[in-house]
Amino acid sequence: AYRKAVLKWGRGIFDGHPDAFGIANSHGILKGGAVWLPQGEAIYNSLADAKNVHLMTCGHVSDEERRTDTKDGHSIVSMLADYQFLGKDSDPNNDVPSYEGGSGYLRIWEFSPKNGELTVRTYSPSLKKWQTDKASEFTLKVPLTGAGGAWTKLGPGTITGKTAKFDVSTLTA
């Protein structure tokens, strides 16, 4: 059984920061078929009515899944992304065996407060390759206006293609 004290502590973090954009991350929340793991369901049930929690993320199970659950008009998107066994035995377009740790795939999240969107993409720096299937690349509508107060524009900066460089030395912690 998932410990009630941990769930109470986690809920307290979100309750203590009601203006923050809430993302809960835990080792295991979902499994294949976007089905809850027992601890994932317990986490969701403890956070379902926390209006500032919008995303729950996990790994643990080698798969990519997502689901959206809504309670009283408030939605939380839960995402599983674990690539540790991704390789040529599970993806014919991958030339690296799965025992080499999933080819270094990782998720890149791009938040657009102006559009109220989170774009998720999956990339392997070691293979220099993007995953482009619908489980690996998608855009979600998320309520980013007002999340955590004012957003700080980074700059001055330069953007060349998909590379962005910003001077952050003047930002306060």
N, C-alpha and C. Protein backbone atom coordinates (compact mmCIF):
# COMPACT_ATOMS: atom_id res chain seq x y z
N ALA A 1 0.84 -1.19 0.00
CA ALA A 1 0.00 0.00 0.00
C ALA A 1 0.88 1.25 0.00
N TYR A 2 0.46 2.20 -0.79
CA TYR A 2 1.20 3.45 -0.86
C TYR A 2 0.96 4.23 0.42
N ARG A 3 1.98 4.76 1.00
CA ARG A 3 1.89 5.39 2.31
C ARG A 3 1.09 6.69 2.28
N LYS A 4 0.11 6.77 3.18
CA LYS A 4 -0.73 7.95 3.27
C LYS A 4 0.07 9.19 3.62
N ALA A 5 1.12 9.03 4.43
CA ALA A 5 1.93 10.19 4.83
C ALA A 5 2.62 10.81 3.63
N VAL A 6 3.08 9.99 2.69
CA VAL A 6 3.74 10.50 1.49
C VAL A 6 2.73 11.26 0.62
N LEU A 7 1.55 10.68 0.48
CA LEU A 7 0.50 11.35 -0.32
C LEU A 7 0.09 12.67 0.33
N LYS A 8 -0.03 12.68 1.64
CA LYS A 8 -0.39 13.91 2.35
C LYS A 8 0.71 14.97 2.17
N TRP A 9 1.96 14.54 2.27
CA TRP A 9 3.08 15.47 2.06
C TRP A 9 3.04 16.04 0.65
N GLY A 10 2.88 15.17 -0.35
CA GLY A 10 2.84 15.62 -1.75
C GLY A 10 1.71 16.60 -1.98
N ARG A 11 0.54 16.27 -1.46
CA ARG A 11 -0.60 17.17 -1.61
C ARG A 11 -0.32 18.52 -0.95
N GLY A 12 0.35 18.48 0.18
CA GLY A 12 0.70 19.71 0.89
C GLY A 12 1.60 20.63 0.09
N ILE A 13 2.48 20.06 -0.72
CA ILE A 13 3.35 20.87 -1.59
C ILE A 13 2.49 21.68 -2.57
N PHE A 14 1.54 21.02 -3.22
CA PHE A 14 0.68 21.71 -4.18
C PHE A 14 -0.26 22.69 -3.49
N ASP A 15 -0.80 22.30 -2.34
CA ASP A 15 -1.68 23.21 -1.60
C ASP A 15 -0.93 24.45 -1.12
N GLY A 16 0.34 24.28 -0.81
CA GLY A 16 1.16 25.40 -0.33
C GLY A 16 1.58 26.36 -1.42
N HIS A 17 1.40 25.97 -2.67
CA HIS A 17 1.78 26.80 -3.82
C HIS A 17 0.63 26.82 -4.83
N PRO A 18 -0.50 27.40 -4.44
CA PRO A 18 -1.69 27.32 -5.29
C PRO A 18 -1.57 28.03 -6.64
N ASP A 19 -0.62 28.96 -6.78
CA ASP A 19 -0.46 29.67 -8.05
C ASP A 19 0.56 29.01 -8.96
N ALA A 20 1.19 27.94 -8.50
CA ALA A 20 2.21 27.26 -9.30
C ALA A 20 1.56 26.28 -10.28
N PHE A 21 2.20 26.07 -11.40
CA PHE A 21 1.77 25.05 -12.37
C PHE A 21 2.27 23.72 -11.85
N GLY A 22 1.37 22.83 -11.44
CA GLY A 22 1.76 21.61 -10.76
C GLY A 22 2.05 20.44 -11.67
N ILE A 23 3.23 19.85 -11.45
CA ILE A 23 3.63 18.62 -12.14
C ILE A 23 4.08 17.64 -11.06
N ALA A 24 3.41 16.49 -10.98
CA ALA A 24 3.81 15.45 -10.04
C ALA A 24 4.61 14.41 -10.81
N ASN A 25 5.77 14.05 -10.29
CA ASN A 25 6.60 13.04 -10.93
C ASN A 25 6.89 11.94 -9.92
N SER A 26 6.69 10.71 -10.33
CA SER A 26 6.97 9.57 -9.47
C SER A 26 7.54 8.45 -10.32
N HIS A 27 8.17 7.51 -9.68
CA HIS A 27 8.81 6.42 -10.41
C HIS A 27 7.80 5.64 -11.25
N GLY A 28 6.72 5.22 -10.63
CA GLY A 28 5.73 4.42 -11.35
C GLY A 28 4.32 4.95 -11.14
N ILE A 29 3.64 5.30 -12.22
CA ILE A 29 2.25 5.77 -12.16
C ILE A 29 1.39 4.96 -13.13
N LEU A 30 1.88 4.77 -14.36
CA LEU A 30 1.14 4.05 -15.40
C LEU A 30 1.92 2.82 -15.85
N LYS A 31 1.19 1.90 -16.46
CA LYS A 31 1.80 0.77 -17.16
C LYS A 31 1.20 0.70 -18.55
N GLY A 32 1.56 -0.32 -19.30
CA GLY A 32 1.06 -0.47 -20.66
C GLY A 32 -0.45 -0.36 -20.74
N GLY A 33 -0.93 0.23 -21.85
CA GLY A 33 -2.35 0.45 -22.02
C GLY A 33 -2.86 1.65 -21.24
N ALA A 34 -1.92 2.45 -20.70
CA ALA A 34 -2.25 3.64 -19.89
C ALA A 34 -3.11 3.27 -18.69
N VAL A 35 -2.84 2.11 -18.12
CA VAL A 35 -3.55 1.62 -16.94
C VAL A 35 -2.78 2.05 -15.69
N TRP A 36 -3.50 2.44 -14.65
CA TRP A 36 -2.86 2.85 -13.40
C TRP A 36 -2.09 1.70 -12.77
N LEU A 37 -0.89 1.98 -12.28
CA LEU A 37 -0.27 1.12 -11.28
C LEU A 37 -0.95 1.46 -9.96
N PRO A 38 -0.96 0.59 -8.97
CA PRO A 38 -1.65 0.91 -7.70
C PRO A 38 -1.19 2.23 -7.08
N GLN A 39 0.12 2.48 -7.06
CA GLN A 39 0.61 3.74 -6.48
C GLN A 39 0.22 4.93 -7.34
N GLY A 40 0.14 4.75 -8.66
CA GLY A 40 -0.27 5.83 -9.55
C GLY A 40 -1.71 6.24 -9.31
N GLU A 41 -2.56 5.25 -9.12
CA GLU A 41 -3.96 5.55 -8.84
C GLU A 41 -4.10 6.26 -7.50
N ALA A 42 -3.30 5.85 -6.52
CA ALA A 42 -3.33 6.51 -5.21
C ALA A 42 -2.86 7.96 -5.32
N ILE A 43 -1.82 8.20 -6.11
CA ILE A 43 -1.33 9.57 -6.31
C ILE A 43 -2.40 10.40 -6.99
N TYR A 44 -2.97 9.87 -8.07
CA TYR A 44 -4.02 10.61 -8.77
C TYR A 44 -5.18 10.93 -7.82
N ASN A 45 -5.65 9.96 -7.09
CA ASN A 45 -6.79 10.19 -6.19
C ASN A 45 -6.48 11.25 -5.14
N SER A 46 -5.22 11.34 -4.72
CA SER A 46 -4.86 12.35 -3.71
C SER A 46 -4.73 13.75 -4.32
N LEU A 47 -4.53 13.84 -5.64
CA LEU A 47 -4.31 15.13 -6.30
C LEU A 47 -5.44 15.55 -7.24
N ALA A 48 -6.40 14.69 -7.47
CA ALA A 48 -7.41 14.92 -8.51
C ALA A 48 -8.14 16.24 -8.36
N ASP A 49 -8.37 16.70 -7.14
CA ASP A 49 -9.09 17.96 -6.96
C ASP A 49 -8.17 19.14 -6.66
N ALA A 50 -6.87 18.95 -6.81
CA ALA A 50 -5.91 20.05 -6.66
C ALA A 50 -5.88 20.79 -8.00
N LYS A 51 -6.50 21.95 -8.05
CA LYS A 51 -6.71 22.67 -9.32
C LYS A 51 -5.42 23.13 -9.99
N ASN A 52 -4.30 23.14 -9.26
CA ASN A 52 -3.04 23.56 -9.86
C ASN A 52 -2.20 22.38 -10.35
N VAL A 53 -2.66 21.17 -10.19
CA VAL A 53 -1.93 20.00 -10.70
C VAL A 53 -2.49 19.67 -12.08
N HIS A 54 -1.60 19.69 -13.07
CA HIS A 54 -2.04 19.49 -14.46
C HIS A 54 -1.37 18.30 -15.13
N LEU A 55 -0.21 17.89 -14.64
CA LEU A 55 0.53 16.80 -15.26
C LEU A 55 1.06 15.85 -14.19
N MET A 56 1.08 14.56 -14.51
CA MET A 56 1.74 13.55 -13.69
C MET A 56 2.62 12.75 -14.65
N THR A 57 3.88 12.52 -14.27
CA THR A 57 4.81 11.84 -15.16
C THR A 57 5.51 10.70 -14.42
N CYS A 58 5.94 9.71 -15.21
CA CYS A 58 6.63 8.58 -14.62
C CYS A 58 7.46 7.85 -15.67
N GLY A 59 8.21 6.88 -15.19
CA GLY A 59 8.97 5.94 -16.01
C GLY A 59 8.59 4.54 -15.56
N HIS A 60 9.57 3.76 -15.14
CA HIS A 60 9.44 2.43 -14.55
C HIS A 60 9.09 1.34 -15.56
N VAL A 61 8.08 1.52 -16.37
CA VAL A 61 7.64 0.50 -17.32
C VAL A 61 8.10 0.94 -18.71
N SER A 62 8.83 0.10 -19.41
CA SER A 62 9.35 0.45 -20.72
C SER A 62 8.22 0.57 -21.74
N ASP A 63 7.79 1.81 -21.94
CA ASP A 63 6.67 2.07 -22.83
C ASP A 63 6.49 3.58 -22.92
N GLU A 64 5.61 4.01 -23.80
CA GLU A 64 5.14 5.39 -23.86
C GLU A 64 3.62 5.33 -23.82
N GLU A 65 3.03 5.98 -22.86
CA GLU A 65 1.57 5.99 -22.71
C GLU A 65 1.16 7.34 -22.16
N ARG A 66 -0.09 7.68 -22.36
CA ARG A 66 -0.65 8.85 -21.69
C ARG A 66 -2.16 8.69 -21.59
N ARG A 67 -2.68 9.34 -20.57
CA ARG A 67 -4.12 9.32 -20.35
C ARG A 67 -4.51 10.65 -19.72
N THR A 68 -5.77 11.03 -19.89
CA THR A 68 -6.31 12.23 -19.28
C THR A 68 -7.49 11.83 -18.43
N ASP A 69 -7.47 12.29 -17.19
CA ASP A 69 -8.57 12.03 -16.27
C ASP A 69 -9.12 13.38 -15.81
N THR A 70 -10.45 13.46 -15.70
CA THR A 70 -11.10 14.71 -15.33
C THR A 70 -12.00 14.49 -14.13
N LYS A 71 -11.88 15.38 -13.16
CA LYS A 71 -12.74 15.36 -11.98
C LYS A 71 -13.26 16.77 -11.76
N ASP A 72 -14.55 16.92 -11.69
CA ASP A 72 -15.19 18.22 -11.45
C ASP A 72 -14.69 19.29 -12.43
N GLY A 73 -14.52 18.90 -13.69
CA GLY A 73 -14.10 19.83 -14.73
C GLY A 73 -12.61 20.12 -14.78
N HIS A 74 -11.83 19.51 -13.89
CA HIS A 74 -10.37 19.72 -13.87
C HIS A 74 -9.66 18.48 -14.41
N SER A 75 -8.82 18.68 -15.43
CA SER A 75 -8.13 17.55 -16.07
C SER A 75 -6.68 17.46 -15.64
N ILE A 76 -6.21 16.23 -15.49
CA ILE A 76 -4.80 15.93 -15.26
C ILE A 76 -4.36 14.94 -16.32
N VAL A 77 -3.28 15.27 -17.02
CA VAL A 77 -2.71 14.36 -18.02
C VAL A 77 -1.57 13.59 -17.35
N SER A 78 -1.62 12.28 -17.44
CA SER A 78 -0.56 11.42 -16.90
C SER A 78 0.22 10.83 -18.07
N MET A 79 1.55 10.87 -17.96
CA MET A 79 2.41 10.40 -19.06
C MET A 79 3.46 9.43 -18.54
N LEU A 80 3.63 8.35 -19.25
CA LEU A 80 4.68 7.36 -19.02
C LEU A 80 5.66 7.46 -20.18
N ALA A 81 6.95 7.60 -19.86
CA ALA A 81 7.99 7.56 -20.89
C ALA A 81 9.21 6.87 -20.31
N ASP A 82 9.49 5.67 -20.80
CA ASP A 82 10.64 4.91 -20.33
C ASP A 82 11.22 4.19 -21.55
N TYR A 83 12.44 4.53 -21.89
CA TYR A 83 13.06 4.03 -23.12
C TYR A 83 14.19 3.04 -22.86
N GLN A 84 14.35 2.58 -21.62
CA GLN A 84 15.55 1.82 -21.28
C GLN A 84 15.74 0.54 -22.09
N PHE A 85 14.67 -0.03 -22.60
CA PHE A 85 14.81 -1.24 -23.41
C PHE A 85 14.47 -1.02 -24.88
N LEU A 86 14.38 0.26 -25.30
CA LEU A 86 14.10 0.53 -26.70
C LEU A 86 15.33 0.18 -27.53
N GLY A 87 15.13 -0.58 -28.56
CA GLY A 87 16.24 -0.99 -29.42
C GLY A 87 15.72 -1.68 -30.65
N LYS A 88 16.63 -2.28 -31.39
CA LYS A 88 16.23 -2.86 -32.66
C LYS A 88 15.27 -4.03 -32.52
N ASP A 89 15.22 -4.66 -31.34
CA ASP A 89 14.26 -5.75 -31.18
C ASP A 89 12.84 -5.23 -30.99
N SER A 90 12.68 -3.96 -30.56
CA SER A 90 11.34 -3.39 -30.41
C SER A 90 11.03 -2.33 -31.45
N ASP A 91 12.05 -1.84 -32.15
CA ASP A 91 11.87 -0.81 -33.17
C ASP A 91 12.77 -1.15 -34.36
N PRO A 92 12.21 -1.63 -35.45
CA PRO A 92 13.04 -2.05 -36.59
C PRO A 92 13.87 -0.91 -37.19
N ASN A 93 13.49 0.35 -36.92
CA ASN A 93 14.26 1.48 -37.45
C ASN A 93 15.42 1.88 -36.54
N ASN A 94 15.58 1.19 -35.43
CA ASN A 94 16.64 1.48 -34.48
C ASN A 94 17.74 0.45 -34.69
N ASP A 95 18.96 0.89 -34.93
CA ASP A 95 20.05 -0.06 -35.20
C ASP A 95 20.88 -0.40 -33.96
N VAL A 96 20.40 0.00 -32.77
CA VAL A 96 21.12 -0.27 -31.53
C VAL A 96 20.36 -1.33 -30.74
N PRO A 97 21.07 -2.37 -30.25
CA PRO A 97 20.37 -3.39 -29.47
C PRO A 97 19.80 -2.81 -28.17
N SER A 98 18.67 -3.35 -27.71
CA SER A 98 18.01 -2.81 -26.53
C SER A 98 18.86 -2.92 -25.27
N TYR A 99 19.75 -3.90 -25.21
CA TYR A 99 20.56 -4.05 -24.01
C TYR A 99 21.55 -2.90 -23.82
N GLU A 100 21.65 -2.00 -24.78
CA GLU A 100 22.53 -0.84 -24.64
C GLU A 100 21.81 0.36 -24.03
N GLY A 101 20.70 0.14 -23.36
CA GLY A 101 20.07 1.19 -22.58
C GLY A 101 19.11 2.09 -23.32
N GLY A 102 18.47 1.61 -24.35
CA GLY A 102 17.42 2.38 -24.99
C GLY A 102 17.89 3.50 -25.88
N SER A 103 19.13 3.51 -26.27
CA SER A 103 19.67 4.46 -27.25
C SER A 103 19.67 5.91 -26.77
N GLY A 104 19.52 6.13 -25.49
CA GLY A 104 19.61 7.49 -24.94
C GLY A 104 18.42 8.38 -25.23
N TYR A 105 17.28 7.81 -25.60
CA TYR A 105 16.11 8.65 -25.87
C TYR A 105 15.67 9.40 -24.62
N LEU A 106 15.23 10.63 -24.83
CA LEU A 106 14.73 11.46 -23.75
C LEU A 106 13.60 12.32 -24.26
N ARG A 107 12.82 12.82 -23.33
CA ARG A 107 11.68 13.67 -23.68
C ARG A 107 12.07 15.13 -23.55
N ILE A 108 11.65 15.92 -24.52
CA ILE A 108 11.87 17.36 -24.50
C ILE A 108 10.50 18.02 -24.42
N TRP A 109 10.32 18.87 -23.42
CA TRP A 109 9.06 19.57 -23.23
C TRP A 109 9.25 21.04 -23.57
N GLU A 110 8.38 21.56 -24.40
CA GLU A 110 8.41 22.98 -24.75
C GLU A 110 7.07 23.61 -24.35
N PHE A 111 7.14 24.53 -23.39
CA PHE A 111 5.94 25.20 -22.91
C PHE A 111 5.73 26.49 -23.69
N SER A 112 4.51 26.72 -24.12
CA SER A 112 4.14 27.96 -24.79
C SER A 112 3.02 28.62 -23.99
N PRO A 113 3.36 29.52 -23.04
CA PRO A 113 2.32 30.19 -22.26
C PRO A 113 1.35 30.97 -23.14
N LYS A 114 1.87 31.59 -24.20
CA LYS A 114 1.03 32.39 -25.09
C LYS A 114 -0.09 31.54 -25.71
N ASN A 115 0.24 30.31 -26.10
CA ASN A 115 -0.72 29.43 -26.75
C ASN A 115 -1.39 28.44 -25.80
N GLY A 116 -0.94 28.42 -24.53
CA GLY A 116 -1.49 27.45 -23.58
C GLY A 116 -1.23 26.02 -24.00
N GLU A 117 0.02 25.76 -24.43
CA GLU A 117 0.35 24.44 -24.96
C GLU A 117 1.67 23.91 -24.40
N LEU A 118 1.73 22.60 -24.31
CA LEU A 118 2.96 21.89 -24.02
C LEU A 118 3.21 20.95 -25.19
N THR A 119 4.33 21.14 -25.87
CA THR A 119 4.71 20.26 -26.97
C THR A 119 5.76 19.29 -26.44
N VAL A 120 5.53 18.02 -26.66
CA VAL A 120 6.41 16.96 -26.20
C VAL A 120 7.03 16.29 -27.42
N ARG A 121 8.36 16.17 -27.39
CA ARG A 121 9.07 15.47 -28.47
C ARG A 121 10.08 14.52 -27.84
N THR A 122 10.49 13.53 -28.60
CA THR A 122 11.40 12.49 -28.10
C THR A 122 12.62 12.42 -29.01
N TYR A 123 13.82 12.51 -28.39
CA TYR A 123 15.06 12.60 -29.16
C TYR A 123 16.15 11.75 -28.53
N SER A 124 17.01 11.20 -29.37
CA SER A 124 18.19 10.49 -28.91
C SER A 124 19.43 11.26 -29.36
N PRO A 125 20.14 11.91 -28.42
CA PRO A 125 21.38 12.60 -28.81
C PRO A 125 22.45 11.63 -29.32
N SER A 126 22.46 10.39 -28.81
CA SER A 126 23.49 9.45 -29.26
C SER A 126 23.22 8.97 -30.69
N LEU A 127 21.95 8.84 -31.07
CA LEU A 127 21.63 8.44 -32.44
C LEU A 127 21.37 9.64 -33.35
N LYS A 128 21.24 10.85 -32.73
CA LYS A 128 20.86 12.06 -33.47
C LYS A 128 19.58 11.80 -34.27
N LYS A 129 18.57 11.31 -33.54
CA LYS A 129 17.36 10.84 -34.19
C LYS A 129 16.13 11.19 -33.34
N TRP A 130 15.07 11.65 -34.00
CA TRP A 130 13.80 11.96 -33.36
C TRP A 130 12.86 10.78 -33.51
N GLN A 131 12.05 10.50 -32.49
CA GLN A 131 10.93 9.59 -32.61
C GLN A 131 9.75 10.45 -33.03
N THR A 132 9.02 10.08 -34.05
CA THR A 132 7.95 10.95 -34.55
C THR A 132 6.57 10.31 -34.54
N ASP A 133 6.44 9.13 -33.95
CA ASP A 133 5.12 8.52 -33.87
C ASP A 133 4.24 9.29 -32.88
N LYS A 134 2.95 9.03 -32.88
CA LYS A 134 2.01 9.82 -32.07
C LYS A 134 2.20 9.63 -30.57
N ALA A 135 2.84 8.57 -30.13
CA ALA A 135 3.12 8.40 -28.70
C ALA A 135 4.36 9.19 -28.28
N SER A 136 5.21 9.53 -29.25
CA SER A 136 6.49 10.19 -28.96
C SER A 136 6.49 11.68 -29.22
N GLU A 137 5.54 12.16 -30.01
CA GLU A 137 5.50 13.57 -30.41
C GLU A 137 4.05 14.03 -30.43
N PHE A 138 3.72 14.98 -29.56
CA PHE A 138 2.34 15.45 -29.46
C PHE A 138 2.31 16.80 -28.76
N THR A 139 1.17 17.47 -28.85
CA THR A 139 0.96 18.76 -28.20
C THR A 139 -0.29 18.66 -27.35
N LEU A 140 -0.18 19.16 -26.11
CA LEU A 140 -1.29 19.17 -25.17
C LEU A 140 -1.71 20.60 -24.89
N LYS A 141 -2.99 20.81 -24.72
CA LYS A 141 -3.49 22.09 -24.23
C LYS A 141 -3.36 22.06 -22.71
N VAL A 142 -2.67 23.05 -22.15
CA VAL A 142 -2.52 23.15 -20.71
C VAL A 142 -2.71 24.60 -20.29
N PRO A 143 -3.29 24.84 -19.12
CA PRO A 143 -3.59 26.21 -18.68
C PRO A 143 -2.34 26.91 -18.13
N LEU A 144 -1.57 27.52 -19.02
CA LEU A 144 -0.31 28.14 -18.61
C LEU A 144 -0.44 29.62 -18.29
N THR A 145 -1.52 30.27 -18.65
CA THR A 145 -1.65 31.68 -18.32
C THR A 145 -1.88 31.79 -16.83
N GLY A 146 -1.05 32.58 -16.19
CA GLY A 146 -1.16 32.76 -14.75
C GLY A 146 -0.49 31.68 -13.94
N ALA A 147 0.05 30.66 -14.58
CA ALA A 147 0.71 29.59 -13.83
C ALA A 147 1.97 30.14 -13.17
N GLY A 148 1.99 30.15 -11.86
CA GLY A 148 3.17 30.60 -11.13
C GLY A 148 3.40 32.09 -11.23
N GLY A 149 2.40 32.86 -11.60
CA GLY A 149 2.59 34.30 -11.70
C GLY A 149 3.18 34.66 -13.05
N ALA A 150 3.99 35.72 -13.07
CA ALA A 150 4.55 36.21 -14.34
C ALA A 150 5.65 35.28 -14.84
N TRP A 151 5.69 35.10 -16.13
CA TRP A 151 6.77 34.34 -16.76
C TRP A 151 7.92 35.29 -17.01
N THR A 152 9.13 34.80 -16.89
CA THR A 152 10.31 35.62 -17.11
C THR A 152 10.83 35.35 -18.51
N LYS A 153 10.95 36.41 -19.29
CA LYS A 153 11.51 36.27 -20.62
C LYS A 153 13.03 36.20 -20.49
N LEU A 154 13.61 35.16 -21.05
CA LEU A 154 15.06 35.02 -21.03
C LEU A 154 15.65 35.85 -22.14
N GLY A 155 16.76 36.46 -21.86
CA GLY A 155 17.38 37.23 -22.92
C GLY A 155 18.44 38.14 -22.37
N PRO A 156 19.16 38.82 -23.18
CA PRO A 156 19.06 38.71 -24.63
C PRO A 156 19.50 37.32 -25.08
N GLY A 157 19.03 36.94 -26.24
CA GLY A 157 19.36 35.62 -26.71
C GLY A 157 19.38 35.55 -28.22
N THR A 158 19.84 34.40 -28.68
CA THR A 158 19.85 34.15 -30.12
C THR A 158 19.24 32.78 -30.36
N ILE A 159 18.50 32.67 -31.42
CA ILE A 159 17.93 31.39 -31.82
C ILE A 159 18.33 31.14 -33.26
N THR A 160 19.00 30.01 -33.47
CA THR A 160 19.42 29.60 -34.80
C THR A 160 18.87 28.20 -35.03
N GLY A 161 17.93 28.09 -35.95
CA GLY A 161 17.32 26.78 -36.20
C GLY A 161 16.62 26.30 -34.95
N LYS A 162 17.07 25.17 -34.42
CA LYS A 162 16.48 24.62 -33.20
C LYS A 162 17.39 24.84 -31.99
N THR A 163 18.40 25.71 -32.13
CA THR A 163 19.33 25.98 -31.03
C THR A 163 19.07 27.37 -30.47
N ALA A 164 18.87 27.45 -29.16
CA ALA A 164 18.64 28.73 -28.50
C ALA A 164 19.72 28.94 -27.45
N LYS A 165 20.26 30.15 -27.41
CA LYS A 165 21.27 30.51 -26.41
C LYS A 165 20.82 31.78 -25.72
N PHE A 166 20.83 31.76 -24.37
CA PHE A 166 20.38 32.91 -23.61
C PHE A 166 21.37 33.23 -22.51
N ASP A 167 21.54 34.52 -22.25
CA ASP A 167 22.37 34.97 -21.14
C ASP A 167 21.46 35.02 -19.90
N VAL A 168 21.69 34.13 -18.96
CA VAL A 168 20.86 34.07 -17.76
C VAL A 168 21.61 34.61 -16.53
N SER A 169 22.77 35.21 -16.75
CA SER A 169 23.58 35.66 -15.62
C SER A 169 22.91 36.77 -14.81
N THR A 170 21.96 37.49 -15.40
CA THR A 170 21.31 38.58 -14.68
C THR A 170 20.03 38.16 -13.97
N LEU A 171 19.62 36.89 -14.12
CA LEU A 171 18.39 36.43 -13.48
C LEU A 171 18.66 36.12 -12.00
N THR A 172 17.67 36.39 -11.16
CA THR A 172 17.80 36.03 -9.76
C THR A 172 17.34 34.59 -9.57
N ALA A 173 17.87 33.98 -8.58
CA ALA A 173 17.53 32.56 -8.31
C ALA A 173 16.07 32.43 -7.95
